[in-house]
């Protein structure tokens, strides 16, 4: 696919409305490979926001080895196109979404098929310190990324954890496709005993009881 073809696809995908799409937390993991989790909404790429942040770290999109999408909503996967040709790990249930394949094929073409898709169906080890766990509820194929560090593990939860408040109170948001599955995934994340959680749309927070009680 040429750059011109990609530009046309992006224009058909988002048109004049893409500025209205909110974004998410985007996380860079540096270890055996450089991994980007959830590149974010289309404006993050189209307005060069992510490119500029990578430049501050003396990196470019070509330095990234792997993209992981916690799910394929546009505010998480809309800037995947920056990493076309790179490997993409995403749950197979997200790839089977009728909304993507039938209602919005241009998005699928521009932001999914331009990458080398490596679908997963269950928990997956990415490297010695990075793994993926299934955390359905927000969507059927929602996943979270677990990163082991010397000071404890961090869970990059996407929208499996919307906020510290919902994590603390064990409640599901209205956006969850399956509320019971969402609550079960919250309990699964708790069982991992993470030190830090990075939710999809809130600041990262410590899971220590004292800190959570103050939130």
N, C-alpha and C. Protein backbone atom coordinates (compact mmCIF):
# COMPACT_ATOMS: atom_id res chain seq x y z
N UNK A 1 0.85 -1.20 0.00
CA UNK A 1 0.00 0.00 0.00
C UNK A 1 0.88 1.25 0.00
N UNK A 2 0.63 2.15 -0.93
CA UNK A 2 1.42 3.38 -1.00
C UNK A 2 0.93 4.38 0.04
N UNK A 3 1.74 5.42 0.28
CA UNK A 3 1.34 6.47 1.21
C UNK A 3 0.08 7.17 0.71
N UNK A 4 -0.03 7.34 -0.61
CA UNK A 4 -1.22 7.98 -1.18
C UNK A 4 -2.46 7.14 -0.90
N UNK A 5 -2.33 5.80 -1.11
CA UNK A 5 -3.47 4.92 -0.83
C UNK A 5 -3.86 4.99 0.64
N UNK A 6 -2.86 5.01 1.54
CA UNK A 6 -3.15 5.08 2.97
C UNK A 6 -3.85 6.39 3.30
N UNK A 7 -3.39 7.51 2.73
CA UNK A 7 -4.04 8.80 2.99
C UNK A 7 -5.50 8.77 2.57
N UNK A 8 -5.78 8.15 1.44
CA UNK A 8 -7.17 8.07 0.98
C UNK A 8 -8.00 7.20 1.91
N UNK A 9 -7.42 6.11 2.38
CA UNK A 9 -8.13 5.25 3.32
C UNK A 9 -8.43 5.98 4.62
N UNK A 10 -7.44 6.71 5.14
CA UNK A 10 -7.64 7.45 6.38
C UNK A 10 -8.71 8.51 6.22
N UNK A 11 -8.72 9.16 5.08
CA UNK A 11 -9.73 10.19 4.83
C UNK A 11 -11.12 9.56 4.79
N UNK A 12 -11.24 8.39 4.17
CA UNK A 12 -12.54 7.72 4.12
C UNK A 12 -12.92 7.16 5.48
N UNK A 13 -11.92 6.78 6.28
CA UNK A 13 -12.20 6.20 7.60
C UNK A 13 -12.72 7.24 8.59
N UNK A 14 -12.05 8.39 8.64
CA UNK A 14 -12.33 9.36 9.69
C UNK A 14 -12.93 10.67 9.17
N UNK A 15 -12.70 10.99 7.89
CA UNK A 15 -13.28 12.18 7.31
C UNK A 15 -13.05 13.42 8.14
N UNK A 16 -14.08 14.24 8.27
CA UNK A 16 -13.97 15.50 9.02
C UNK A 16 -14.31 15.31 10.50
N UNK A 17 -14.62 14.08 10.92
CA UNK A 17 -15.09 13.86 12.29
C UNK A 17 -14.02 13.32 13.22
N UNK A 18 -12.82 13.02 12.69
CA UNK A 18 -11.85 12.33 13.54
C UNK A 18 -11.38 13.14 14.73
N UNK A 19 -11.46 14.48 14.67
CA UNK A 19 -11.02 15.29 15.80
C UNK A 19 -11.90 15.10 17.03
N UNK A 20 -13.09 14.53 16.84
CA UNK A 20 -14.01 14.36 17.95
C UNK A 20 -13.77 13.07 18.72
N UNK A 21 -12.85 12.24 18.25
CA UNK A 21 -12.60 10.95 18.90
C UNK A 21 -11.60 11.13 20.03
N UNK A 22 -12.00 10.81 21.26
CA UNK A 22 -11.07 10.91 22.39
C UNK A 22 -10.02 9.82 22.30
N UNK A 23 -8.86 10.05 22.93
CA UNK A 23 -7.80 9.07 22.86
C UNK A 23 -7.68 8.30 24.17
N UNK A 24 -6.57 7.56 24.31
CA UNK A 24 -6.37 6.68 25.45
C UNK A 24 -4.93 6.81 25.92
N UNK A 25 -4.59 6.08 26.97
CA UNK A 25 -3.19 5.99 27.38
C UNK A 25 -2.43 5.11 26.39
N UNK A 26 -1.32 5.64 25.90
CA UNK A 26 -0.42 4.89 25.02
C UNK A 26 0.86 4.61 25.80
N UNK A 27 1.31 3.36 25.77
CA UNK A 27 2.44 2.95 26.61
C UNK A 27 3.54 2.34 25.75
N UNK A 28 4.78 2.79 26.00
CA UNK A 28 5.96 2.21 25.37
C UNK A 28 6.65 1.29 26.37
N UNK A 29 6.89 0.05 25.97
CA UNK A 29 7.63 -0.91 26.78
C UNK A 29 8.97 -1.15 26.11
N UNK A 30 10.04 -0.94 26.85
CA UNK A 30 11.38 -1.21 26.31
C UNK A 30 12.00 -2.37 27.05
N UNK A 31 12.33 -3.41 26.31
CA UNK A 31 12.94 -4.60 26.89
C UNK A 31 13.64 -5.36 25.78
N UNK A 32 13.33 -6.65 25.66
CA UNK A 32 13.88 -7.42 24.55
C UNK A 32 13.46 -6.81 23.22
N UNK A 33 12.23 -6.33 23.16
CA UNK A 33 11.69 -5.61 22.00
C UNK A 33 11.10 -4.30 22.48
N UNK A 34 10.93 -3.37 21.55
CA UNK A 34 10.18 -2.15 21.85
C UNK A 34 8.73 -2.40 21.44
N UNK A 35 7.85 -2.22 22.41
CA UNK A 35 6.43 -2.52 22.21
C UNK A 35 5.61 -1.27 22.47
N UNK A 36 4.70 -0.95 21.56
CA UNK A 36 3.72 0.11 21.78
C UNK A 36 2.38 -0.53 22.07
N UNK A 37 1.78 -0.19 23.21
CA UNK A 37 0.45 -0.66 23.55
C UNK A 37 -0.55 0.46 23.29
N UNK A 38 -1.49 0.21 22.39
CA UNK A 38 -2.56 1.15 22.05
C UNK A 38 -2.01 2.50 21.55
N UNK A 39 -1.67 2.59 20.26
CA UNK A 39 -1.16 3.86 19.71
C UNK A 39 -2.12 5.04 19.85
N UNK A 40 -3.41 4.77 20.07
CA UNK A 40 -4.33 5.87 20.35
C UNK A 40 -5.24 6.24 19.20
N UNK A 41 -5.99 7.29 19.41
CA UNK A 41 -6.97 7.77 18.44
C UNK A 41 -6.28 8.29 17.18
N UNK A 42 -7.01 8.39 16.09
CA UNK A 42 -6.39 8.81 14.83
C UNK A 42 -5.68 10.15 14.87
N UNK A 43 -6.20 11.10 15.65
CA UNK A 43 -5.56 12.42 15.69
C UNK A 43 -4.17 12.36 16.31
N UNK A 44 -3.91 11.35 17.15
CA UNK A 44 -2.59 11.20 17.76
C UNK A 44 -1.54 10.98 16.68
N UNK A 45 -1.91 10.25 15.65
CA UNK A 45 -1.00 10.04 14.53
C UNK A 45 -1.08 11.13 13.49
N UNK A 46 -2.28 11.54 13.16
CA UNK A 46 -2.47 12.53 12.09
C UNK A 46 -1.91 13.89 12.46
N UNK A 47 -1.91 14.23 13.74
CA UNK A 47 -1.35 15.51 14.18
C UNK A 47 0.09 15.38 14.69
N UNK A 48 0.69 14.22 14.45
CA UNK A 48 2.11 13.99 14.78
C UNK A 48 2.41 13.98 16.27
N UNK A 49 1.40 13.83 17.10
CA UNK A 49 1.61 13.85 18.55
C UNK A 49 2.50 12.69 18.97
N UNK A 50 2.18 11.48 18.51
CA UNK A 50 2.97 10.32 18.91
C UNK A 50 4.36 10.36 18.30
N UNK A 51 4.47 10.81 17.06
CA UNK A 51 5.79 10.96 16.44
C UNK A 51 6.67 11.90 17.25
N UNK A 52 6.10 13.00 17.70
CA UNK A 52 6.88 13.97 18.47
C UNK A 52 7.31 13.40 19.81
N UNK A 53 6.43 12.64 20.44
CA UNK A 53 6.80 12.03 21.72
C UNK A 53 7.91 11.00 21.52
N UNK A 54 7.80 10.22 20.47
CA UNK A 54 8.87 9.26 20.18
C UNK A 54 10.18 9.98 19.89
N UNK A 55 10.09 11.11 19.19
CA UNK A 55 11.30 11.88 18.87
C UNK A 55 11.99 12.35 20.14
N UNK A 56 11.19 12.74 21.16
CA UNK A 56 11.78 13.14 22.43
C UNK A 56 12.58 12.01 23.06
N UNK A 57 12.20 10.77 22.74
CA UNK A 57 12.90 9.60 23.27
C UNK A 57 13.95 9.09 22.29
N UNK A 58 14.22 9.92 21.25
CA UNK A 58 15.19 9.58 20.21
C UNK A 58 14.79 8.31 19.46
N UNK A 59 13.49 8.18 19.21
CA UNK A 59 12.95 7.04 18.50
C UNK A 59 12.06 7.51 17.35
N UNK A 60 11.81 6.63 16.42
CA UNK A 60 10.84 6.85 15.35
C UNK A 60 9.95 5.61 15.29
N UNK A 61 8.84 5.66 14.57
CA UNK A 61 8.00 4.46 14.45
C UNK A 61 8.75 3.24 13.94
N UNK A 62 9.77 3.45 13.13
CA UNK A 62 10.53 2.31 12.60
C UNK A 62 11.31 1.57 13.69
N UNK A 63 11.51 2.21 14.85
CA UNK A 63 12.22 1.57 15.96
C UNK A 63 11.33 0.65 16.78
N UNK A 64 10.04 0.67 16.51
CA UNK A 64 9.09 -0.16 17.26
C UNK A 64 9.01 -1.54 16.63
N UNK A 65 9.07 -2.58 17.47
CA UNK A 65 9.04 -3.95 16.98
C UNK A 65 7.64 -4.55 16.95
N UNK A 66 6.81 -4.12 17.89
CA UNK A 66 5.51 -4.77 18.06
C UNK A 66 4.47 -3.77 18.54
N UNK A 67 3.27 -3.87 17.99
CA UNK A 67 2.11 -3.11 18.47
C UNK A 67 1.15 -4.10 19.12
N UNK A 68 0.63 -3.74 20.28
CA UNK A 68 -0.42 -4.53 20.93
C UNK A 68 -1.65 -3.64 21.07
N UNK A 69 -2.78 -4.11 20.62
CA UNK A 69 -4.05 -3.41 20.84
C UNK A 69 -4.84 -4.15 21.90
N UNK A 70 -5.18 -3.45 23.00
CA UNK A 70 -5.99 -4.09 24.03
C UNK A 70 -7.38 -4.41 23.50
N UNK A 71 -7.84 -3.64 22.53
CA UNK A 71 -9.05 -3.92 21.76
C UNK A 71 -9.01 -2.98 20.56
N UNK A 72 -9.97 -3.14 19.65
CA UNK A 72 -9.88 -2.41 18.39
C UNK A 72 -10.84 -1.23 18.27
N UNK A 73 -11.21 -0.60 19.37
CA UNK A 73 -11.94 0.65 19.26
C UNK A 73 -11.01 1.71 18.68
N UNK A 74 -11.58 2.64 17.92
CA UNK A 74 -10.75 3.62 17.18
C UNK A 74 -9.92 4.51 18.09
N UNK A 75 -10.39 4.75 19.32
CA UNK A 75 -9.61 5.61 20.21
C UNK A 75 -8.40 4.89 20.80
N UNK A 76 -8.28 3.60 20.53
CA UNK A 76 -7.09 2.84 20.95
C UNK A 76 -6.24 2.40 19.76
N UNK A 77 -6.88 2.15 18.63
CA UNK A 77 -6.18 1.58 17.47
C UNK A 77 -6.13 2.51 16.26
N UNK A 78 -6.66 3.72 16.41
CA UNK A 78 -6.77 4.62 15.27
C UNK A 78 -5.46 5.15 14.73
N UNK A 79 -4.38 5.05 15.51
CA UNK A 79 -3.06 5.47 15.04
C UNK A 79 -2.13 4.29 14.74
N UNK A 80 -2.70 3.10 14.63
CA UNK A 80 -1.91 1.94 14.24
C UNK A 80 -1.18 2.17 12.92
N UNK A 81 -1.77 2.99 12.05
CA UNK A 81 -1.21 3.18 10.71
C UNK A 81 0.23 3.71 10.75
N UNK A 82 0.62 4.35 11.86
CA UNK A 82 2.00 4.83 11.97
C UNK A 82 3.00 3.67 11.94
N UNK A 83 2.53 2.48 12.29
CA UNK A 83 3.42 1.34 12.44
C UNK A 83 3.13 0.27 11.39
N UNK A 84 2.67 0.71 10.22
CA UNK A 84 2.35 -0.25 9.17
C UNK A 84 3.60 -1.09 8.83
N UNK A 85 3.33 -2.37 8.63
CA UNK A 85 4.42 -3.30 8.38
C UNK A 85 4.96 -3.96 9.63
N UNK A 86 4.62 -3.42 10.81
CA UNK A 86 5.06 -3.99 12.07
C UNK A 86 4.10 -5.10 12.51
N UNK A 87 4.56 -5.93 13.43
CA UNK A 87 3.71 -7.00 13.95
C UNK A 87 2.65 -6.42 14.88
N UNK A 88 1.43 -6.92 14.76
CA UNK A 88 0.31 -6.49 15.60
C UNK A 88 -0.26 -7.69 16.33
N UNK A 89 -0.29 -7.63 17.66
CA UNK A 89 -0.93 -8.66 18.45
C UNK A 89 -2.27 -8.13 18.96
N UNK A 90 -3.32 -8.88 18.70
CA UNK A 90 -4.67 -8.51 19.08
C UNK A 90 -5.48 -9.80 19.19
N UNK A 91 -6.48 -9.78 20.04
CA UNK A 91 -7.28 -10.99 20.22
C UNK A 91 -8.10 -11.28 18.96
N UNK A 92 -8.22 -12.56 18.63
CA UNK A 92 -8.93 -12.94 17.42
C UNK A 92 -10.40 -12.51 17.44
N UNK A 93 -10.99 -12.40 18.64
CA UNK A 93 -12.39 -11.97 18.70
C UNK A 93 -12.57 -10.53 18.25
N UNK A 94 -11.54 -9.71 18.43
CA UNK A 94 -11.61 -8.33 17.93
C UNK A 94 -11.60 -8.31 16.40
N UNK A 95 -10.86 -9.21 15.81
CA UNK A 95 -10.77 -9.28 14.35
C UNK A 95 -12.06 -9.79 13.73
N UNK A 96 -12.86 -10.48 14.53
CA UNK A 96 -14.12 -11.03 14.04
C UNK A 96 -15.30 -10.10 14.27
N UNK A 97 -15.04 -8.92 14.82
CA UNK A 97 -16.11 -7.98 15.14
C UNK A 97 -16.86 -7.56 13.89
N UNK A 98 -18.17 -7.73 13.90
CA UNK A 98 -18.97 -7.34 12.74
C UNK A 98 -18.93 -5.84 12.51
N UNK A 99 -18.77 -5.06 13.59
CA UNK A 99 -18.69 -3.60 13.44
C UNK A 99 -17.49 -3.22 12.59
N UNK A 100 -16.35 -3.90 12.82
CA UNK A 100 -15.15 -3.57 12.06
C UNK A 100 -15.25 -4.05 10.62
N UNK A 101 -15.61 -5.31 10.46
CA UNK A 101 -15.54 -5.92 9.14
C UNK A 101 -16.63 -5.44 8.20
N UNK A 102 -17.78 -5.11 8.76
CA UNK A 102 -18.91 -4.78 7.90
C UNK A 102 -19.34 -3.32 7.98
N UNK A 103 -19.34 -2.75 9.17
CA UNK A 103 -19.81 -1.37 9.31
C UNK A 103 -18.72 -0.34 9.03
N UNK A 104 -17.43 -0.72 9.21
CA UNK A 104 -16.36 0.25 9.06
C UNK A 104 -15.14 -0.41 8.40
N UNK A 105 -15.30 -0.93 7.20
CA UNK A 105 -14.19 -1.65 6.55
C UNK A 105 -12.98 -0.77 6.28
N UNK A 106 -13.18 0.54 6.07
CA UNK A 106 -12.04 1.43 5.81
C UNK A 106 -11.10 1.49 7.02
N UNK A 107 -11.67 1.53 8.20
CA UNK A 107 -10.85 1.53 9.41
C UNK A 107 -10.02 0.25 9.49
N UNK A 108 -10.65 -0.87 9.23
CA UNK A 108 -9.95 -2.15 9.28
C UNK A 108 -8.81 -2.18 8.26
N UNK A 109 -9.06 -1.65 7.07
CA UNK A 109 -8.03 -1.62 6.03
C UNK A 109 -6.86 -0.74 6.44
N UNK A 110 -7.14 0.45 6.97
CA UNK A 110 -6.08 1.43 7.24
C UNK A 110 -5.32 1.14 8.52
N UNK A 111 -6.00 0.63 9.53
CA UNK A 111 -5.41 0.57 10.87
C UNK A 111 -5.18 -0.84 11.40
N UNK A 112 -5.58 -1.83 10.63
CA UNK A 112 -5.36 -3.21 11.06
C UNK A 112 -4.60 -3.99 9.98
N UNK A 113 -5.14 -4.00 8.79
CA UNK A 113 -4.55 -4.83 7.73
C UNK A 113 -3.22 -4.30 7.22
N UNK A 114 -2.88 -3.05 7.53
CA UNK A 114 -1.57 -2.52 7.12
C UNK A 114 -0.45 -3.03 8.01
N UNK A 115 -0.80 -3.73 9.09
CA UNK A 115 0.20 -4.33 9.97
C UNK A 115 0.21 -5.85 9.77
N UNK A 116 1.23 -6.50 10.29
CA UNK A 116 1.32 -7.96 10.20
C UNK A 116 0.59 -8.56 11.39
N UNK A 117 -0.64 -8.98 11.17
CA UNK A 117 -1.51 -9.39 12.26
C UNK A 117 -1.09 -10.74 12.82
N UNK A 118 -0.94 -10.77 14.14
CA UNK A 118 -0.68 -12.02 14.85
C UNK A 118 -1.80 -12.19 15.87
N UNK A 119 -2.89 -12.83 15.47
CA UNK A 119 -4.02 -12.97 16.39
C UNK A 119 -3.70 -13.92 17.53
N UNK A 120 -4.26 -13.62 18.70
CA UNK A 120 -4.11 -14.51 19.85
C UNK A 120 -5.49 -14.97 20.29
N UNK A 121 -5.54 -16.10 20.96
CA UNK A 121 -6.83 -16.64 21.40
C UNK A 121 -6.90 -16.83 22.91
N UNK A 122 -5.76 -16.65 23.59
CA UNK A 122 -5.72 -16.82 25.04
C UNK A 122 -4.50 -16.14 25.61
N UNK A 123 -4.20 -16.42 26.85
CA UNK A 123 -3.02 -15.83 27.49
C UNK A 123 -1.77 -16.16 26.66
N UNK A 124 -0.90 -15.17 26.51
CA UNK A 124 0.24 -15.31 25.61
C UNK A 124 1.48 -14.69 26.22
N UNK A 125 2.58 -15.41 26.19
CA UNK A 125 3.85 -14.87 26.64
C UNK A 125 4.51 -14.15 25.47
N UNK A 126 4.82 -12.88 25.65
CA UNK A 126 5.44 -12.08 24.60
C UNK A 126 6.96 -12.14 24.72
N UNK A 127 7.45 -12.02 25.94
CA UNK A 127 8.89 -12.11 26.21
C UNK A 127 9.05 -12.56 27.65
N UNK A 128 10.28 -12.58 28.14
CA UNK A 128 10.54 -13.05 29.50
C UNK A 128 9.77 -12.23 30.54
N UNK A 129 9.61 -10.93 30.29
CA UNK A 129 8.99 -10.04 31.29
C UNK A 129 7.65 -9.46 30.85
N UNK A 130 7.18 -9.82 29.67
CA UNK A 130 5.93 -9.25 29.16
C UNK A 130 4.99 -10.38 28.75
N UNK A 131 3.76 -10.30 29.22
CA UNK A 131 2.76 -11.30 28.84
C UNK A 131 1.42 -10.60 28.62
N UNK A 132 0.56 -11.30 27.92
CA UNK A 132 -0.79 -10.82 27.64
C UNK A 132 -1.78 -11.75 28.32
N UNK A 133 -2.78 -11.17 29.00
CA UNK A 133 -3.84 -11.96 29.62
C UNK A 133 -5.18 -11.49 29.06
N UNK A 134 -6.09 -12.42 28.92
CA UNK A 134 -7.41 -12.07 28.41
C UNK A 134 -8.25 -11.46 29.53
N UNK A 135 -8.86 -10.33 29.23
CA UNK A 135 -9.68 -9.63 30.22
C UNK A 135 -10.95 -9.11 29.55
N UNK A 136 -11.82 -10.01 29.09
CA UNK A 136 -13.03 -9.60 28.36
C UNK A 136 -14.02 -8.87 29.25
N UNK A 137 -14.93 -8.19 28.59
CA UNK A 137 -15.98 -7.46 29.30
C UNK A 137 -16.27 -6.15 28.61
N UNK A 138 -15.25 -5.29 28.52
CA UNK A 138 -15.43 -4.05 27.75
C UNK A 138 -15.78 -4.42 26.32
N UNK A 139 -15.00 -5.34 25.75
CA UNK A 139 -15.35 -6.01 24.50
C UNK A 139 -15.04 -7.49 24.70
N UNK A 140 -15.52 -8.32 23.79
CA UNK A 140 -15.31 -9.76 23.93
C UNK A 140 -13.84 -10.13 23.84
N UNK A 141 -13.06 -9.34 23.08
CA UNK A 141 -11.66 -9.66 22.88
C UNK A 141 -10.69 -8.77 23.63
N UNK A 142 -11.15 -8.10 24.67
CA UNK A 142 -10.26 -7.21 25.43
C UNK A 142 -9.14 -8.01 26.09
N UNK A 143 -7.93 -7.45 26.03
CA UNK A 143 -6.77 -8.06 26.66
C UNK A 143 -6.04 -7.00 27.49
N UNK A 144 -5.19 -7.47 28.40
CA UNK A 144 -4.32 -6.58 29.18
C UNK A 144 -2.89 -7.07 29.05
N UNK A 145 -1.95 -6.15 29.19
CA UNK A 145 -0.53 -6.47 29.09
C UNK A 145 0.08 -6.38 30.48
N UNK A 146 0.78 -7.43 30.88
CA UNK A 146 1.42 -7.49 32.19
C UNK A 146 2.93 -7.38 32.00
N UNK A 147 3.54 -6.40 32.66
CA UNK A 147 4.98 -6.18 32.54
C UNK A 147 5.61 -6.40 33.91
N UNK A 148 6.54 -7.33 33.98
CA UNK A 148 7.23 -7.62 35.23
C UNK A 148 8.46 -6.72 35.34
N UNK A 149 8.58 -6.02 36.47
CA UNK A 149 9.71 -5.13 36.71
C UNK A 149 10.35 -5.50 38.05
N UNK A 150 11.55 -5.00 38.34
CA UNK A 150 12.20 -5.32 39.62
C UNK A 150 11.41 -4.86 40.84
N UNK A 151 10.52 -3.87 40.66
CA UNK A 151 9.76 -3.36 41.80
C UNK A 151 8.32 -3.87 41.84
N UNK A 152 8.00 -4.82 40.99
CA UNK A 152 6.64 -5.34 40.93
C UNK A 152 6.07 -5.24 39.53
N UNK A 153 4.93 -5.86 39.32
CA UNK A 153 4.36 -5.88 37.97
C UNK A 153 3.44 -4.69 37.73
N UNK A 154 3.37 -4.33 36.46
CA UNK A 154 2.45 -3.28 35.99
C UNK A 154 1.48 -3.90 35.01
N UNK A 155 0.20 -3.59 35.17
CA UNK A 155 -0.81 -4.06 34.23
C UNK A 155 -1.27 -2.88 33.38
N UNK A 156 -1.08 -3.00 32.08
CA UNK A 156 -1.61 -2.03 31.12
C UNK A 156 -2.95 -2.59 30.70
N UNK A 157 -4.01 -2.03 31.25
CA UNK A 157 -5.31 -2.71 31.23
C UNK A 157 -6.23 -2.32 30.10
N UNK A 158 -5.86 -1.29 29.32
CA UNK A 158 -6.83 -0.83 28.34
C UNK A 158 -8.11 -0.45 29.06
N UNK A 159 -9.24 -0.81 28.47
CA UNK A 159 -10.51 -0.46 29.11
C UNK A 159 -11.05 -1.58 29.99
N UNK A 160 -10.20 -2.59 30.28
CA UNK A 160 -10.57 -3.58 31.29
C UNK A 160 -10.59 -2.96 32.68
N UNK A 161 -9.88 -1.84 32.84
CA UNK A 161 -9.98 -1.01 34.05
C UNK A 161 -10.18 0.42 33.56
N UNK A 162 -11.34 0.96 33.77
CA UNK A 162 -11.62 2.31 33.29
C UNK A 162 -11.02 3.38 34.19
N UNK A 163 -10.98 3.11 35.49
CA UNK A 163 -10.48 4.12 36.43
C UNK A 163 -10.13 3.45 37.75
N UNK A 164 -9.37 4.16 38.58
CA UNK A 164 -9.03 3.66 39.91
C UNK A 164 -10.30 3.49 40.75
N UNK A 165 -11.25 4.38 40.58
CA UNK A 165 -12.48 4.33 41.36
C UNK A 165 -13.26 3.05 41.08
N UNK A 166 -13.37 2.71 39.79
CA UNK A 166 -14.09 1.49 39.45
C UNK A 166 -13.35 0.24 39.91
N UNK A 167 -12.02 0.30 39.87
CA UNK A 167 -11.22 -0.82 40.36
C UNK A 167 -11.43 -1.00 41.87
N UNK A 168 -11.39 0.11 42.58
CA UNK A 168 -11.55 0.05 44.05
C UNK A 168 -12.94 -0.41 44.45
N UNK A 169 -13.96 0.10 43.76
CA UNK A 169 -15.34 -0.20 44.13
C UNK A 169 -15.89 -1.45 43.46
N UNK A 170 -15.06 -2.06 42.59
CA UNK A 170 -15.48 -3.28 41.88
C UNK A 170 -16.80 -3.05 41.14
N UNK A 171 -16.83 -2.02 40.32
CA UNK A 171 -18.05 -1.75 39.55
C UNK A 171 -17.71 -1.66 38.07
N UNK A 172 -18.70 -1.97 37.25
CA UNK A 172 -18.49 -1.95 35.80
C UNK A 172 -19.07 -0.67 35.21
N UNK A 173 -18.43 -0.12 34.18
CA UNK A 173 -18.93 1.10 33.55
C UNK A 173 -20.06 0.78 32.57
N UNK A 174 -20.78 1.80 32.19
CA UNK A 174 -21.86 1.60 31.23
C UNK A 174 -21.37 1.16 29.86
N UNK A 175 -20.09 1.39 29.58
CA UNK A 175 -19.55 1.05 28.27
C UNK A 175 -19.22 -0.42 28.11
N UNK A 176 -19.29 -1.20 29.19
CA UNK A 176 -18.95 -2.61 29.11
C UNK A 176 -19.99 -3.38 28.31
N UNK A 177 -19.53 -4.14 27.33
CA UNK A 177 -20.46 -4.96 26.54
C UNK A 177 -21.06 -6.08 27.39
N UNK A 178 -20.25 -6.63 28.29
CA UNK A 178 -20.69 -7.73 29.16
C UNK A 178 -20.26 -7.38 30.59
N UNK A 179 -21.20 -6.90 31.38
CA UNK A 179 -20.86 -6.38 32.71
C UNK A 179 -20.33 -7.48 33.63
N UNK A 180 -20.88 -8.68 33.56
CA UNK A 180 -20.40 -9.75 34.43
C UNK A 180 -18.99 -10.16 34.05
N UNK A 181 -18.73 -10.24 32.75
CA UNK A 181 -17.37 -10.58 32.30
C UNK A 181 -16.39 -9.48 32.72
N UNK A 182 -16.83 -8.23 32.66
CA UNK A 182 -15.98 -7.12 33.08
C UNK A 182 -15.59 -7.26 34.55
N UNK A 183 -16.56 -7.56 35.39
CA UNK A 183 -16.28 -7.71 36.82
C UNK A 183 -15.36 -8.91 37.08
N UNK A 184 -15.55 -9.99 36.32
CA UNK A 184 -14.68 -11.15 36.46
C UNK A 184 -13.25 -10.80 36.06
N UNK A 185 -13.11 -9.98 35.02
CA UNK A 185 -11.78 -9.56 34.58
C UNK A 185 -11.12 -8.65 35.61
N UNK A 186 -11.91 -7.79 36.26
CA UNK A 186 -11.36 -6.98 37.36
C UNK A 186 -10.76 -7.87 38.44
N UNK A 187 -11.48 -8.95 38.78
CA UNK A 187 -10.99 -9.86 39.81
C UNK A 187 -9.75 -10.59 39.32
N UNK A 188 -9.72 -10.89 38.05
CA UNK A 188 -8.52 -11.56 37.53
C UNK A 188 -7.30 -10.64 37.63
N UNK A 189 -7.49 -9.38 37.29
CA UNK A 189 -6.38 -8.43 37.39
C UNK A 189 -5.94 -8.30 38.84
N UNK A 190 -6.88 -8.25 39.76
CA UNK A 190 -6.53 -8.19 41.19
C UNK A 190 -5.69 -9.40 41.60
N UNK A 191 -6.05 -10.57 41.05
CA UNK A 191 -5.36 -11.80 41.44
C UNK A 191 -3.90 -11.81 40.98
N UNK A 192 -3.55 -10.94 40.03
CA UNK A 192 -2.17 -10.85 39.56
C UNK A 192 -1.29 -10.06 40.53
N UNK A 193 -1.92 -9.41 41.52
CA UNK A 193 -1.20 -8.61 42.52
C UNK A 193 -0.27 -7.56 41.89
N UNK A 194 -0.80 -6.77 40.97
CA UNK A 194 0.07 -5.77 40.34
C UNK A 194 0.42 -4.65 41.31
N UNK A 195 1.57 -4.07 41.10
CA UNK A 195 1.96 -2.90 41.90
C UNK A 195 1.32 -1.64 41.33
N UNK A 196 1.21 -1.59 40.00
CA UNK A 196 0.67 -0.41 39.31
C UNK A 196 -0.29 -0.86 38.21
N UNK A 197 -1.33 -0.07 38.02
CA UNK A 197 -2.26 -0.31 36.91
C UNK A 197 -2.33 0.96 36.06
N UNK A 198 -2.23 0.77 34.76
CA UNK A 198 -2.42 1.87 33.82
C UNK A 198 -3.75 1.62 33.13
N UNK A 199 -4.79 2.38 33.50
CA UNK A 199 -6.11 2.18 32.89
C UNK A 199 -6.17 2.81 31.50
N UNK A 200 -7.26 2.54 30.81
CA UNK A 200 -7.38 3.06 29.45
C UNK A 200 -7.49 4.57 29.38
N UNK A 201 -8.19 5.18 30.34
CA UNK A 201 -8.51 6.60 30.22
C UNK A 201 -8.40 7.35 31.55
N UNK A 202 -7.42 6.98 32.35
CA UNK A 202 -7.20 7.65 33.62
C UNK A 202 -5.70 7.58 33.92
N UNK A 203 -5.25 8.31 34.93
CA UNK A 203 -3.83 8.27 35.27
C UNK A 203 -3.48 6.92 35.89
N UNK A 204 -2.23 6.52 35.74
CA UNK A 204 -1.76 5.29 36.36
C UNK A 204 -1.89 5.41 37.89
N UNK A 205 -2.17 4.28 38.56
CA UNK A 205 -2.33 4.34 40.00
C UNK A 205 -1.71 3.11 40.66
N UNK A 206 -1.29 3.31 41.91
CA UNK A 206 -0.77 2.22 42.73
C UNK A 206 -1.93 1.43 43.30
N UNK A 207 -1.74 0.15 43.46
CA UNK A 207 -2.81 -0.69 44.01
C UNK A 207 -2.72 -0.84 45.52
N UNK A 208 -1.79 -0.15 46.18
CA UNK A 208 -1.70 -0.26 47.63
C UNK A 208 -2.99 0.23 48.27
N UNK A 209 -3.43 -0.46 49.30
CA UNK A 209 -4.72 -0.16 49.93
C UNK A 209 -4.79 1.28 50.41
N UNK A 210 -3.70 1.77 50.98
CA UNK A 210 -3.72 3.13 51.52
C UNK A 210 -3.95 4.17 50.44
N UNK A 211 -3.34 3.97 49.31
CA UNK A 211 -3.50 4.92 48.21
C UNK A 211 -4.90 4.83 47.63
N UNK A 212 -5.37 3.60 47.42
CA UNK A 212 -6.72 3.43 46.86
C UNK A 212 -7.78 4.02 47.78
N UNK A 213 -7.61 3.90 49.07
CA UNK A 213 -8.59 4.44 50.01
C UNK A 213 -8.69 5.96 49.91
N UNK A 214 -7.63 6.61 49.47
CA UNK A 214 -7.63 8.06 49.37
C UNK A 214 -8.22 8.57 48.04
N UNK A 215 -8.46 7.66 47.12
CA UNK A 215 -8.93 8.09 45.80
C UNK A 215 -10.42 8.36 45.82
